[in-house]
Amino acid sequence: AITGATPRMTPETIRMSRHYMFFDPGKAVRELGLPQTPAREALRRAVEWFRDSGIASN
């Protein structure tokens, strides 16, 4: 790198970012009993946690 810093994105990560990748959590849900939380609820909980932890503010 010109600045001497390690690049944030390597050629491989750029190549991978061009592909749409979707994963099915079905096996983990079936075999491990992982809960399925709707995306809106998961995001709400995450924001609440970040605020309560002082990492993010209103």
Protein backbone atom coordinates (compact mmCIF):
# COMPACT_ATOMS: atom_id res chain seq x y z
CA ALA A 1 0.00 0.00 0.00
CA ILE A 2 1.16 3.51 -0.69
CA THR A 3 0.57 4.56 2.91
CA GLY A 4 2.15 1.44 4.39
CA ALA A 5 -1.18 0.44 5.94
CA THR A 6 -2.71 -2.97 5.37
CA PRO A 7 -5.50 -2.71 2.78
CA ARG A 8 -9.00 -3.16 4.17
CA MET A 9 -10.07 -5.15 1.13
CA THR A 10 -7.92 -7.70 -0.63
CA PRO A 11 -8.46 -8.71 -4.25
CA GLU A 12 -10.12 -11.91 -2.97
CA THR A 13 -12.62 -10.05 -0.77
CA ILE A 14 -13.50 -7.81 -3.71
CA ARG A 15 -14.06 -10.87 -5.93
CA MET A 16 -16.24 -12.50 -3.27
CA SER A 17 -18.30 -9.33 -2.79
CA ARG A 18 -19.50 -9.63 -6.39
CA HIS A 19 -21.36 -12.86 -5.60
CA TYR A 20 -24.76 -13.05 -3.97
CA MET A 21 -24.53 -15.60 -1.18
CA PHE A 22 -27.52 -16.85 0.74
CA PHE A 23 -27.46 -19.40 3.54
CA ASP A 24 -30.22 -21.58 4.91
CA PRO A 25 -30.27 -21.75 8.73
CA GLY A 26 -32.63 -24.76 8.63
CA LYS A 27 -30.06 -27.32 9.78
CA ALA A 28 -29.00 -25.21 12.78
CA VAL A 29 -32.62 -24.59 13.69
CA ARG A 30 -33.47 -28.29 13.45
CA GLU A 31 -30.37 -29.78 15.07
CA LEU A 32 -29.48 -27.09 17.59
CA GLY A 33 -32.90 -25.63 18.26
CA LEU A 34 -31.72 -22.11 17.46
CA PRO A 35 -34.51 -19.56 17.69
CA GLN A 36 -35.69 -17.64 14.65
CA THR A 37 -36.02 -13.96 15.51
CA PRO A 38 -37.65 -11.69 12.93
CA ALA A 39 -35.17 -9.18 11.45
CA ARG A 40 -37.01 -6.12 12.82
CA GLU A 41 -37.01 -7.55 16.35
CA ALA A 42 -33.35 -8.56 16.13
CA LEU A 43 -32.41 -5.06 14.95
CA ARG A 44 -34.49 -3.45 17.71
CA ARG A 45 -32.74 -5.60 20.32
CA ALA A 46 -29.31 -4.83 18.87
CA VAL A 47 -29.93 -1.07 18.89
CA GLU A 48 -31.23 -1.29 22.46
CA TRP A 49 -28.12 -3.23 23.51
CA PHE A 50 -25.76 -0.72 21.83
CA ARG A 51 -27.55 2.16 23.56
CA ASP A 52 -27.62 0.44 26.96
CA SER A 53 -23.92 -0.40 26.61
CA GLY A 54 -23.04 3.21 25.82
CA ILE A 55 -21.68 2.29 22.40
CA ALA A 56 -24.38 4.27 20.57
CA SER A 57 -26.49 7.21 21.59
CA ASN A 58 -29.78 8.66 20.43
